[in-house]
Amino acid sequence: MICLNCGKAIDDDLKVCPFCGSLIEAYTDAPAYESAAPADLPGADPEPEEPVDGQDYFDENPVYPEPRKLGKGMKLSGLPALILSAIACALSLACLLILLSTRTSIREQGKVLTGSVSEVRNAVNAVNDRLGDLDVTVSRVQSEAYNQLASQSIAITKDITPLTGPVEMDKYNRMFIVTAKGNLSVSSSFDWQRYNESTGGWVSVVFTGDATTNEEYGLRLENSFDKTENSYTSVLWANGIKPNASGTYRCVITDATGITKTSAEATVSVF
């Protein structure tokens, strides 16, 4: 039969023209004039033409159409993945830079915080030192105020004077004397004390009263009040003094309000 598209004779059982690739629509009853048909008849051979682009491929593969090229599509499908990879790398780099910047900022803030804590500690130490100085100052002021108050309340007009030389054992004479003015009492304001070397403290040996004695040491106390001078006198007598009475003595004077004032100290030796 003859292909109606290109006019070439082809086998009757073909569905596609091996020459032009067209679906077969052919004359099945016109083979008699195929070779002798004029040039203008449908069955005549046309003048030779320039080969159509791709004709060689159809000549060699008359049944199969040209395969589709997928290379370009594949390249297009890989582009979004490349873009996403680039975006991910950029985000990772940005996160890394932010992390490094944050670490540096935290380190700097830590240094600032450490410096602030050190400054606060120094300030607290300074405050403690000032408080310590203030405590000392307050204590000194209180002591001075108390001494001033005691001086206003109790005035010692004749203080203890140390004895010259030792005292003979069993001696009977006046050893120490203190005279004071204030709101005092003959029976309760004068307390004679002796320093205890072993304990490091003062111990009362002769208590106040009109005439109080201490047989252990051989001492006697005598207090009196002079209305003319408005003053009190406390005398510590050697009343048969014993050797164990040797030591340092003082007199603690207490007024009616509880304020105390201490006399000077004096030492006695007994032989």
Protein backbone atom coordinates (compact mmCIF):
# COMPACT_ATOMS: atom_id res chain seq x y z
CA MET A 1 0.00 0.00 0.00
CA ILE A 2 0.93 3.66 -0.39
CA CYS A 3 1.48 6.11 2.59
CA LEU A 4 -0.85 9.03 2.02
CA ASN A 5 1.59 11.38 3.81
CA CYS A 6 4.84 10.70 1.93
CA GLY A 7 3.53 8.62 -1.03
CA LYS A 8 5.96 5.78 -0.52
CA ALA A 9 5.03 2.13 -0.88
CA ILE A 10 5.00 0.32 2.44
CA ASP A 11 3.97 -3.13 3.66
CA ASP A 12 0.31 -3.70 4.17
CA ASP A 13 0.62 -4.83 7.81
CA LEU A 14 2.43 -1.67 9.04
CA LYS A 15 0.61 0.79 11.21
CA VAL A 16 3.32 3.50 11.11
CA CYS A 17 5.12 4.68 7.99
CA PRO A 18 8.81 3.76 8.27
CA PHE A 19 9.70 6.76 6.11
CA CYS A 20 7.82 9.65 7.67
CA GLY A 21 6.58 8.14 10.95
CA SER A 22 2.94 8.96 10.29
CA LEU A 23 0.02 6.75 11.19
CA ILE A 24 -0.96 4.76 8.13
CA GLU A 25 -3.86 6.03 6.04
CA ALA A 26 -3.11 4.37 2.68
CA TYR A 27 -4.69 3.36 -0.60
CA THR A 28 -5.09 -0.37 -0.42
CA ASP A 29 -6.41 -0.78 -3.94
CA ALA A 30 -4.07 1.41 -6.07
CA PRO A 31 -0.88 -0.62 -6.58
CA ALA A 32 -1.49 -0.93 -10.43
CA TYR A 33 -0.31 2.55 -11.30
CA GLU A 34 2.35 2.86 -8.62
CA SER A 35 5.35 2.71 -10.97
CA ALA A 36 3.77 4.45 -13.96
CA ALA A 37 1.85 7.18 -12.23
CA PRO A 38 2.55 10.70 -13.34
CA ALA A 39 4.43 12.95 -11.03
CA ASP A 40 1.30 14.83 -10.03
CA LEU A 41 -0.56 11.71 -8.98
CA PRO A 42 -0.71 10.77 -5.36
CA GLY A 43 1.42 7.70 -5.92
CA ALA A 44 4.20 9.45 -7.83
CA ASP A 45 7.63 9.84 -6.29
CA PRO A 46 8.21 13.42 -5.25
CA GLU A 47 11.25 15.37 -6.10
CA PRO A 48 14.13 14.75 -3.78
CA GLU A 49 13.96 17.07 -0.75
CA GLU A 50 16.41 18.19 1.79
CA PRO A 51 16.56 15.65 4.59
CA VAL A 52 14.28 16.50 7.47
CA ASP A 53 15.97 17.11 10.85
CA GLY A 54 16.05 13.74 12.60
CA GLN A 55 15.37 11.77 9.39
CA ASP A 56 18.38 9.53 9.90
CA TYR A 57 17.03 8.52 13.30
CA PHE A 58 13.65 7.57 11.76
CA ASP A 59 15.42 5.65 8.94
CA GLU A 60 17.33 3.57 11.45
CA ASN A 61 14.43 3.23 13.92
CA PRO A 62 11.29 3.33 11.83
CA VAL A 63 8.93 2.06 14.52
CA TYR A 64 10.05 3.95 17.65
CA PRO A 65 9.49 7.65 18.21
CA GLU A 66 12.27 9.92 19.43
CA PRO A 67 12.83 9.41 23.21
CA ARG A 68 12.19 12.34 25.54
CA LYS A 69 15.26 14.01 27.06
CA LEU A 70 15.08 14.21 30.85
CA GLY A 71 18.45 15.77 31.65
CA LYS A 72 17.13 19.30 31.80
CA GLY A 73 14.20 18.32 34.01
CA MET A 74 16.52 16.51 36.37
CA LYS A 75 18.68 19.60 36.72
CA LEU A 76 15.59 21.66 37.42
CA SER A 77 14.42 19.21 40.13
CA GLY A 78 17.84 19.38 41.96
CA LEU A 79 17.88 23.20 42.17
CA PRO A 80 15.43 23.52 45.14
CA ALA A 81 17.50 21.02 47.15
CA LEU A 82 20.61 23.07 46.43
CA ILE A 83 18.84 26.25 47.54
CA LEU A 84 17.60 24.58 50.73
CA SER A 85 21.12 23.32 51.47
CA ALA A 86 22.51 26.82 51.04
CA ILE A 87 19.82 28.26 53.34
CA ALA A 88 20.56 25.58 55.97
CA CYS A 89 24.28 26.35 55.84
CA ALA A 90 23.56 30.05 56.20
CA LEU A 91 21.29 29.46 59.21
CA SER A 92 23.87 27.18 60.82
CA LEU A 93 26.55 29.82 60.37
CA ALA A 94 24.25 32.49 61.83
CA CYS A 95 23.47 30.28 64.84
CA LEU A 96 27.18 29.66 65.37
CA LEU A 97 27.93 33.36 65.24
CA ILE A 98 25.08 34.09 67.68
CA LEU A 99 26.36 31.36 70.04
CA LEU A 100 29.90 32.74 69.94
CA SER A 101 28.60 36.26 70.53
CA THR A 102 26.42 35.01 73.41
CA ARG A 103 29.36 33.18 75.02
CA THR A 104 31.48 36.30 74.78
CA SER A 105 28.67 38.40 76.25
CA ILE A 106 28.12 35.92 79.10
CA ARG A 107 31.86 35.87 79.82
CA GLU A 108 31.99 39.66 79.93
CA GLN A 109 28.89 39.83 82.12
CA GLY A 110 30.44 37.20 84.41
CA LYS A 111 33.54 39.36 84.79
CA VAL A 112 31.39 42.38 85.53
CA LEU A 113 29.35 40.39 88.06
CA THR A 114 32.50 39.05 89.72
CA GLY A 115 33.85 42.58 89.97
CA SER A 116 30.57 43.79 91.43
CA VAL A 117 30.54 40.98 94.00
CA SER A 118 34.13 41.82 94.94
CA GLU A 119 33.18 45.47 95.33
CA VAL A 120 30.19 44.53 97.48
CA ARG A 121 32.40 42.27 99.61
CA ASN A 122 34.92 45.06 100.07
CA ALA A 123 32.12 47.46 100.95
CA VAL A 124 30.73 44.98 103.51
CA ASN A 125 34.20 44.54 105.01
CA ALA A 126 34.57 48.29 105.18
CA VAL A 127 31.20 48.57 106.88
CA ASN A 128 32.17 45.85 109.35
CA ASP A 129 35.40 47.67 110.09
CA ARG A 130 33.48 50.88 110.62
CA LEU A 131 31.01 49.07 112.85
CA GLY A 132 33.92 47.65 114.81
CA ASP A 133 35.37 51.11 115.18
CA LEU A 134 31.93 52.36 116.11
CA ASP A 135 31.61 49.66 118.77
CA VAL A 136 34.96 50.70 120.21
CA THR A 137 33.92 54.34 120.08
CA VAL A 138 30.56 53.59 121.70
CA SER A 139 32.26 51.53 124.40
CA ARG A 140 34.75 54.33 125.05
CA VAL A 141 31.99 56.94 125.13
CA GLN A 142 29.95 54.80 127.49
CA SER A 143 32.96 54.28 129.72
CA GLU A 144 33.74 57.99 129.71
CA ALA A 145 30.11 58.84 130.35
CA TYR A 146 29.97 56.32 133.18
CA ASN A 147 33.20 57.61 134.66
CA GLN A 148 31.94 61.15 134.36
CA LEU A 149 28.68 60.18 136.03
CA ALA A 150 30.58 58.27 138.71
CA SER A 151 32.83 61.27 139.26
CA GLN A 152 29.78 63.49 139.64
CA SER A 153 28.21 61.00 142.03
CA ILE A 154 31.33 59.97 143.95
CA ALA A 155 34.26 62.26 144.61
CA ILE A 156 37.34 60.60 146.16
CA THR A 157 39.04 63.34 148.18
CA LYS A 158 41.78 61.13 149.71
CA ASP A 159 42.92 58.12 147.72
CA ILE A 160 44.93 55.07 148.79
CA THR A 161 48.67 55.58 148.98
CA PRO A 162 51.08 52.63 148.92
CA LEU A 163 52.80 51.69 152.16
CA THR A 164 56.53 52.21 152.42
CA GLY A 165 58.23 49.03 153.54
CA PRO A 166 56.75 45.80 154.93
CA VAL A 167 54.37 45.48 157.86
CA GLU A 168 55.38 43.50 160.92
CA MET A 169 53.27 40.41 161.60
CA ASP A 170 50.64 40.83 164.35
CA LYS A 171 50.98 44.56 163.90
CA TYR A 172 48.09 46.76 165.06
CA ASN A 173 47.93 50.01 163.11
CA ARG A 174 46.14 51.80 160.30
CA MET A 175 47.23 50.59 156.84
CA PHE A 176 45.02 52.18 154.14
CA ILE A 177 42.53 55.05 154.12
CA VAL A 178 40.03 56.38 151.54
CA THR A 179 37.88 59.53 151.87
CA ALA A 180 34.97 60.21 149.50
CA LYS A 181 31.89 62.38 149.09
CA GLY A 182 28.54 61.56 147.54
CA ASN A 183 25.30 59.79 148.22
CA LEU A 184 27.08 57.11 150.26
CA SER A 185 26.40 54.91 153.25
CA VAL A 186 28.65 53.98 156.17
CA SER A 187 27.34 50.43 156.24
CA SER A 188 27.11 49.59 152.48
CA SER A 189 29.29 51.81 150.28
CA PHE A 190 32.87 50.57 150.90
CA ASP A 191 34.22 47.19 149.78
CA TRP A 192 37.90 46.39 150.26
CA GLN A 193 39.25 43.85 147.80
CA ARG A 194 42.49 41.91 147.41
CA TYR A 195 43.91 40.70 144.09
CA ASN A 196 44.09 36.90 143.81
CA GLU A 197 47.17 35.91 141.84
CA SER A 198 45.98 32.35 141.21
CA THR A 199 42.59 33.27 139.74
CA GLY A 200 43.56 36.63 138.26
CA GLY A 201 40.60 38.42 139.84
CA TRP A 202 39.68 40.66 142.77
CA VAL A 203 38.16 39.12 145.90
CA SER A 204 36.38 40.96 148.71
CA VAL A 205 38.28 40.42 151.98
CA VAL A 206 36.73 43.02 154.25
CA PHE A 207 33.13 44.00 153.66
CA THR A 208 31.56 47.30 154.48
CA GLY A 209 30.18 48.08 157.93
CA ASP A 210 30.90 50.07 161.05
CA ALA A 211 33.67 47.69 162.12
CA THR A 212 34.17 44.48 160.12
CA THR A 213 37.06 42.11 160.73
CA ASN A 214 38.78 39.34 158.75
CA GLU A 215 40.43 36.86 161.09
CA GLU A 216 42.14 34.96 158.26
CA TYR A 217 44.20 37.96 157.23
CA GLY A 218 44.16 39.83 160.53
CA LEU A 219 42.37 42.88 159.11
CA ARG A 220 39.69 45.21 160.36
CA LEU A 221 37.57 47.84 158.62
CA GLU A 222 36.29 51.04 160.20
CA ASN A 223 34.02 53.54 158.38
CA SER A 224 32.87 56.95 159.58
CA PHE A 225 30.93 60.02 158.40
CA ASP A 226 32.00 63.64 159.01
CA LYS A 227 28.90 65.85 159.03
CA THR A 228 30.99 69.03 158.95
CA GLU A 229 32.84 68.03 155.75
CA ASN A 230 29.94 65.91 154.47
CA SER A 231 32.45 63.19 153.67
CA TYR A 232 32.93 59.49 154.39
CA THR A 233 36.16 57.84 155.52
CA SER A 234 36.99 54.11 155.24
CA VAL A 235 40.08 52.86 157.08
CA LEU A 236 41.63 49.37 156.68
CA TRP A 237 43.44 48.43 159.90
CA ALA A 238 46.08 45.83 160.53
CA ASN A 239 44.45 43.95 163.36
CA GLY A 240 47.18 41.44 164.12
CA ILE A 241 47.97 41.09 160.40
CA LYS A 242 48.98 37.65 159.08
CA PRO A 243 51.60 36.84 156.43
CA ASN A 244 48.95 35.61 153.99
CA ALA A 245 47.51 39.13 153.97
CA SER A 246 50.39 40.23 151.76
CA GLY A 247 49.23 41.45 148.35
CA THR A 248 47.57 44.29 146.43
CA TYR A 249 44.45 46.03 147.76
CA ARG A 250 41.84 48.47 146.46
CA CYS A 251 38.55 49.98 147.67
CA VAL A 252 35.38 49.89 145.52
CA ILE A 253 32.94 52.65 146.50
CA THR A 254 29.23 52.33 145.58
CA ASP A 255 26.64 55.08 145.94
CA ALA A 256 22.92 54.70 146.60
CA THR A 257 22.06 54.52 142.86
CA GLY A 258 24.48 51.68 142.17
CA ILE A 259 27.22 53.74 140.52
CA THR A 260 30.69 52.54 141.53
CA LYS A 261 34.07 54.14 141.60
CA THR A 262 37.33 52.35 142.30
CA SER A 263 40.20 53.79 144.30
CA ALA A 264 43.86 53.45 143.50
CA GLU A 265 45.71 50.22 144.33
CA ALA A 266 48.21 49.70 147.15
CA THR A 267 50.50 46.80 148.07
CA VAL A 268 51.42 45.48 151.50
CA SER A 269 54.13 43.03 152.53
CA VAL A 270 54.05 41.20 155.84
CA PHE A 271 57.12 39.71 157.56
